[in-house]
Amino acid sequence: MLTKHAVLQSIQELPDTANWADMTEALLRLAANEGDPSDFARFYRQQLTAENMMEYLEPKFDVELIDVIRELEGRHPAPTPI
């Protein structure tokens, strides 16, 4: 589980010009590097838009949303850069 301190520190390290997309990316990086796979999957699902979801109603490929979610939940955190 991510700590409140780690989340705040991640956001504080962003420049003053950071927008919501920058903050979301910072949180995703933090969840991928320090959280457990369910943290990352939960954050990632939050950034999906209605337009993204339409692809799953009329998929271009034979991929179901539940399979994508299961794959994201099964991800291991990325290695921490040196």
Protein backbone atom coordinates (compact mmCIF):
# COMPACT_ATOMS: atom_id res chain seq x y z
CA MET A 1 0.00 0.00 0.00
CA LEU A 2 1.29 3.43 -0.87
CA THR A 3 1.90 5.80 2.00
CA LYS A 4 0.44 9.28 2.08
CA HIS A 5 3.96 10.69 2.53
CA ALA A 6 5.23 8.94 -0.63
CA VAL A 7 2.28 10.26 -2.66
CA LEU A 8 2.72 13.83 -1.40
CA GLN A 9 6.47 13.75 -1.99
CA SER A 10 5.94 12.48 -5.53
CA ILE A 11 3.58 15.36 -6.31
CA GLN A 12 5.77 17.97 -4.58
CA GLU A 13 8.73 16.99 -6.76
CA LEU A 14 6.82 18.03 -9.88
CA PRO A 15 7.43 21.52 -11.30
CA ASP A 16 4.91 24.27 -10.59
CA THR A 17 3.81 24.03 -14.22
CA ALA A 18 2.64 20.41 -13.77
CA ASN A 19 -0.89 19.64 -14.90
CA TRP A 20 -3.31 16.82 -14.00
CA ALA A 21 -1.77 14.50 -16.59
CA ASP A 22 1.69 15.04 -15.06
CA MET A 23 0.32 14.29 -11.58
CA THR A 24 -1.44 11.17 -12.81
CA GLU A 25 1.78 9.95 -14.45
CA ALA A 26 3.69 10.58 -11.22
CA LEU A 27 1.14 8.56 -9.23
CA LEU A 28 1.23 5.73 -11.77
CA ARG A 29 5.04 5.64 -11.60
CA LEU A 30 4.90 5.58 -7.81
CA ALA A 31 2.30 2.81 -7.78
CA ALA A 32 4.28 0.78 -10.32
CA ASN A 33 7.55 1.16 -8.41
CA GLU A 34 6.45 1.05 -4.77
CA GLY A 35 2.87 -0.18 -4.60
CA ASP A 36 1.47 -3.63 -4.98
CA PRO A 37 -0.05 -4.71 -8.32
CA SER A 38 -3.60 -3.90 -7.17
CA ASP A 39 -2.55 -0.27 -6.48
CA PHE A 40 -1.21 0.07 -10.03
CA ALA A 41 -4.28 -1.58 -11.58
CA ARG A 42 -6.62 0.66 -9.59
CA PHE A 43 -4.78 3.86 -10.57
CA TYR A 44 -4.53 2.76 -14.19
CA ARG A 45 -8.26 2.02 -14.40
CA GLN A 46 -9.00 5.51 -13.06
CA GLN A 47 -7.40 7.16 -16.08
CA LEU A 48 -9.54 5.35 -18.67
CA THR A 49 -11.96 7.62 -20.50
CA ALA A 50 -15.33 6.90 -22.07
CA GLU A 51 -13.59 6.95 -25.45
CA ASN A 52 -11.14 4.29 -24.26
CA MET A 53 -14.00 2.16 -23.01
CA MET A 54 -15.81 2.33 -26.39
CA GLU A 55 -13.01 0.25 -27.85
CA TYR A 56 -14.04 -2.57 -25.53
CA LEU A 57 -17.67 -2.35 -26.61
CA GLU A 58 -16.58 -2.64 -30.24
CA PRO A 59 -13.08 -4.14 -30.00
CA LYS A 60 -10.65 -3.94 -32.89
CA PHE A 61 -9.08 -7.16 -31.62
CA ASP A 62 -10.35 -10.17 -29.68
CA VAL A 63 -9.46 -8.71 -26.26
CA GLU A 64 -11.94 -8.39 -23.42
CA LEU A 65 -11.70 -5.71 -20.75
CA ILE A 66 -11.66 -8.25 -17.92
CA ASP A 67 -8.57 -9.88 -19.45
CA VAL A 68 -6.78 -6.51 -19.58
CA ILE A 69 -7.68 -5.83 -15.93
CA ARG A 70 -6.46 -9.26 -14.86
CA GLU A 71 -3.19 -8.69 -16.71
CA LEU A 72 -2.69 -5.31 -15.03
CA GLU A 73 -3.46 -6.76 -11.60
CA GLY A 74 -0.89 -9.47 -12.19
CA ARG A 75 1.93 -7.05 -13.05
CA HIS A 76 4.95 -6.95 -10.83
CA PRO A 77 6.29 -3.53 -9.87
CA ALA A 78 8.90 -2.22 -12.27
CA PRO A 79 12.46 -2.27 -10.94
CA THR A 80 13.54 0.92 -9.20
CA PRO A 81 16.06 2.88 -11.29
CA ILE A 82 19.50 3.22 -9.78
